[in-house]
Protein backbone atom coordinates (compact mmCIF):
# COMPACT_ATOMS: atom_id res chain seq x y z
CA UNK A 1 -1.58 7.02 -78.29
CA UNK A 2 -5.11 5.76 -78.98
CA UNK A 3 -7.88 4.11 -77.05
CA UNK A 4 -6.81 1.04 -78.18
CA UNK A 5 -3.27 1.53 -76.66
CA UNK A 6 -4.87 2.73 -73.54
CA UNK A 7 -6.34 -1.03 -72.86
CA UNK A 8 -2.73 -2.93 -73.21
CA UNK A 9 -0.15 -0.17 -72.14
CA UNK A 10 0.87 -1.08 -68.76
CA UNK A 11 -1.22 0.89 -65.66
CA UNK A 12 1.93 2.68 -64.51
CA UNK A 13 2.53 4.50 -67.74
CA UNK A 14 -1.50 4.68 -68.33
CA UNK A 15 -1.56 6.42 -64.95
CA UNK A 16 1.73 8.71 -65.66
CA UNK A 17 0.13 10.23 -68.81
CA UNK A 18 -3.03 11.48 -67.19
CA UNK A 19 -3.20 15.42 -66.65
CA UNK A 20 -2.66 16.64 -63.00
CA UNK A 21 -6.43 17.16 -62.57
CA UNK A 22 -7.19 13.75 -64.28
CA UNK A 23 -4.65 12.02 -61.61
CA UNK A 24 -6.53 13.56 -58.63
CA UNK A 25 -9.95 12.71 -59.79
CA UNK A 26 -8.30 9.05 -60.57
CA UNK A 27 -6.93 8.77 -56.76
CA UNK A 28 -10.17 9.96 -55.45
CA UNK A 29 -12.25 7.26 -57.90
CA UNK A 30 -9.30 4.66 -56.42
CA UNK A 31 -9.79 5.21 -52.72
CA UNK A 32 -13.43 5.17 -53.50
CA UNK A 33 -13.26 1.91 -54.77
CA UNK A 34 -11.05 0.55 -52.26
CA UNK A 35 -13.43 1.78 -48.84
CA UNK A 36 -16.16 0.28 -51.26
CA UNK A 37 -14.09 -3.03 -51.70
CA UNK A 38 -13.05 -3.16 -47.73
CA UNK A 39 -16.87 -2.57 -46.32
CA UNK A 40 -18.20 -5.73 -48.63
CA UNK A 41 -15.40 -7.50 -47.15
CA UNK A 42 -16.70 -6.21 -43.89
CA UNK A 43 -19.99 -6.71 -44.50
CA UNK A 44 -19.49 -10.33 -45.45
CA UNK A 45 -17.55 -11.11 -42.72
CA UNK A 46 -19.14 -9.75 -39.91
CA UNK A 47 -22.83 -11.27 -41.06
CA UNK A 48 -21.10 -14.56 -42.02
CA UNK A 49 -19.68 -14.86 -38.47
CA UNK A 50 -22.83 -14.03 -37.04
CA UNK A 51 -24.38 -16.75 -38.56
CA UNK A 52 -21.87 -19.13 -37.70
CA UNK A 53 -22.35 -17.75 -34.09
CA UNK A 54 -25.94 -18.21 -34.39
CA UNK A 55 -26.11 -21.74 -35.31
CA UNK A 56 -23.61 -22.84 -32.72
CA UNK A 57 -25.62 -20.84 -29.75
CA UNK A 58 -28.68 -22.71 -30.93
CA UNK A 59 -30.90 -20.39 -29.25
CA UNK A 60 -34.15 -22.06 -29.47
CA UNK A 61 -32.65 -25.48 -28.68
CA UNK A 62 -33.43 -26.91 -31.56
CA UNK A 63 -31.53 -29.95 -33.70
CA UNK A 64 -28.39 -28.34 -35.20
CA UNK A 65 -29.72 -30.03 -38.66
CA UNK A 66 -32.34 -27.11 -38.29
CA UNK A 67 -30.10 -24.45 -37.74
CA UNK A 68 -28.00 -25.23 -39.91
CA UNK A 69 -30.74 -25.63 -42.66
CA UNK A 70 -32.10 -21.80 -41.99
CA UNK A 71 -28.42 -20.30 -42.43
CA UNK A 72 -28.64 -21.42 -45.72
CA UNK A 73 -31.56 -18.94 -46.28
CA UNK A 74 -29.40 -16.41 -44.32
CA UNK A 75 -26.45 -16.95 -46.82
CA UNK A 76 -28.28 -16.49 -49.91
CA UNK A 77 -29.92 -13.23 -48.00
CA UNK A 78 -26.66 -11.43 -47.53
CA UNK A 79 -25.38 -12.34 -50.95
CA UNK A 80 -28.30 -10.42 -52.44
CA UNK A 81 -28.07 -7.07 -49.76
CA UNK A 82 -23.82 -7.24 -50.41
CA UNK A 83 -24.85 -6.88 -54.18
CA UNK A 84 -27.17 -4.37 -53.46
CA UNK A 85 -25.47 -1.92 -51.42
CA UNK A 86 -21.77 -2.58 -52.61
CA UNK A 87 -21.44 -4.30 -56.15
CA UNK A 88 -24.22 -2.45 -57.91
CA UNK A 89 -21.85 0.79 -56.54
CA UNK A 90 -18.78 -0.89 -57.52
CA UNK A 91 -19.77 -1.89 -60.69
CA UNK A 92 -21.06 1.59 -62.09
CA UNK A 93 -17.10 3.40 -60.79
CA UNK A 94 -15.32 0.39 -62.78
CA UNK A 95 -16.86 0.86 -65.77
CA UNK A 96 -15.99 3.22 -68.79
CA UNK A 97 -18.79 5.19 -69.28
CA UNK A 98 -17.87 9.02 -69.54
CA UNK A 99 -15.99 9.75 -72.95
CA UNK A 100 -14.44 13.01 -71.50
CA UNK A 101 -12.81 11.27 -68.85
CA UNK A 102 -11.53 8.47 -71.37
CA UNK A 103 -8.06 7.81 -69.89
CA UNK A 104 -8.68 7.92 -66.57
CA UNK A 105 -12.02 5.26 -66.63
CA UNK A 106 -9.71 2.81 -69.17
CA UNK A 107 -7.20 3.14 -66.02
CA UNK A 108 -9.74 2.13 -62.95
CA UNK A 109 -11.43 -0.57 -65.26
CA UNK A 110 -8.17 -2.19 -65.90
CA UNK A 111 -7.03 -1.84 -62.54
CA UNK A 112 -10.26 -2.98 -60.81
CA UNK A 113 -12.31 -4.85 -63.42
CA UNK A 114 -11.20 -8.26 -61.69
CA UNK A 115 -11.89 -7.16 -58.36
CA UNK A 116 -15.69 -6.65 -59.06
CA UNK A 117 -15.42 -10.21 -60.96
CA UNK A 118 -13.98 -12.25 -58.24
CA UNK A 119 -16.65 -9.99 -55.54
CA UNK A 120 -19.64 -11.32 -58.63
CA UNK A 121 -18.33 -14.79 -58.41
CA UNK A 122 -18.24 -14.53 -54.32
CA UNK A 123 -22.22 -13.24 -55.02
CA UNK A 124 -22.84 -16.02 -56.95
CA UNK A 125 -20.93 -18.87 -54.81
CA UNK A 126 -22.96 -17.54 -51.43
CA UNK A 127 -26.36 -17.73 -53.49
CA UNK A 128 -25.91 -21.36 -54.51
CA UNK A 129 -24.81 -22.57 -51.22
CA UNK A 130 -27.06 -20.96 -49.13
CA UNK A 131 -29.97 -22.05 -51.37
CA UNK A 132 -28.55 -25.52 -50.87
CA UNK A 133 -28.28 -25.68 -47.42
CA UNK A 134 -31.85 -23.62 -46.94
CA UNK A 135 -33.24 -26.50 -49.26
CA UNK A 136 -31.42 -29.40 -48.14
CA UNK A 137 -29.12 -28.52 -45.19
CA UNK A 138 -31.12 -30.99 -42.84
CA UNK A 139 -30.23 -33.99 -45.43
CA UNK A 140 -26.83 -33.33 -44.63
CA UNK A 141 -26.83 -34.84 -41.09
CA UNK A 142 -28.09 -38.13 -42.70
CA UNK A 143 -25.78 -39.22 -44.83
CA UNK A 144 -22.99 -41.67 -43.76
CA UNK A 145 -19.76 -40.62 -42.70
CA UNK A 146 -17.80 -43.48 -43.80
């Protein structure tokens, strides 16, 4: 079968047709990808939870809208750091780059590209939300709630 078929063939079938050495390399790559995904999620969760605690703790005894506004900058910073430390590595692993290992890389790309797209979308949402909160967060406390 050719390369075009590898992009539409069911993933278990594609994996089963890999050579034994390539299967071992593919499983090792999958293990690394899953580790990156878990570390990214842990990183994001810890820092977002920390921001919420910081806002609730109000360590400088300021108005809540000031701390809420400051949290927007931290959210955007976390998005950029997450992109730098995790998504760049994941992007390199999920893209086809080595033609000698083409079937393995097609398998990895097809299996994990959707996760990469989800993580990138989360990063964009974080940047937008963080920027809006950082710029206009204090105004949210002045909006009528009726």
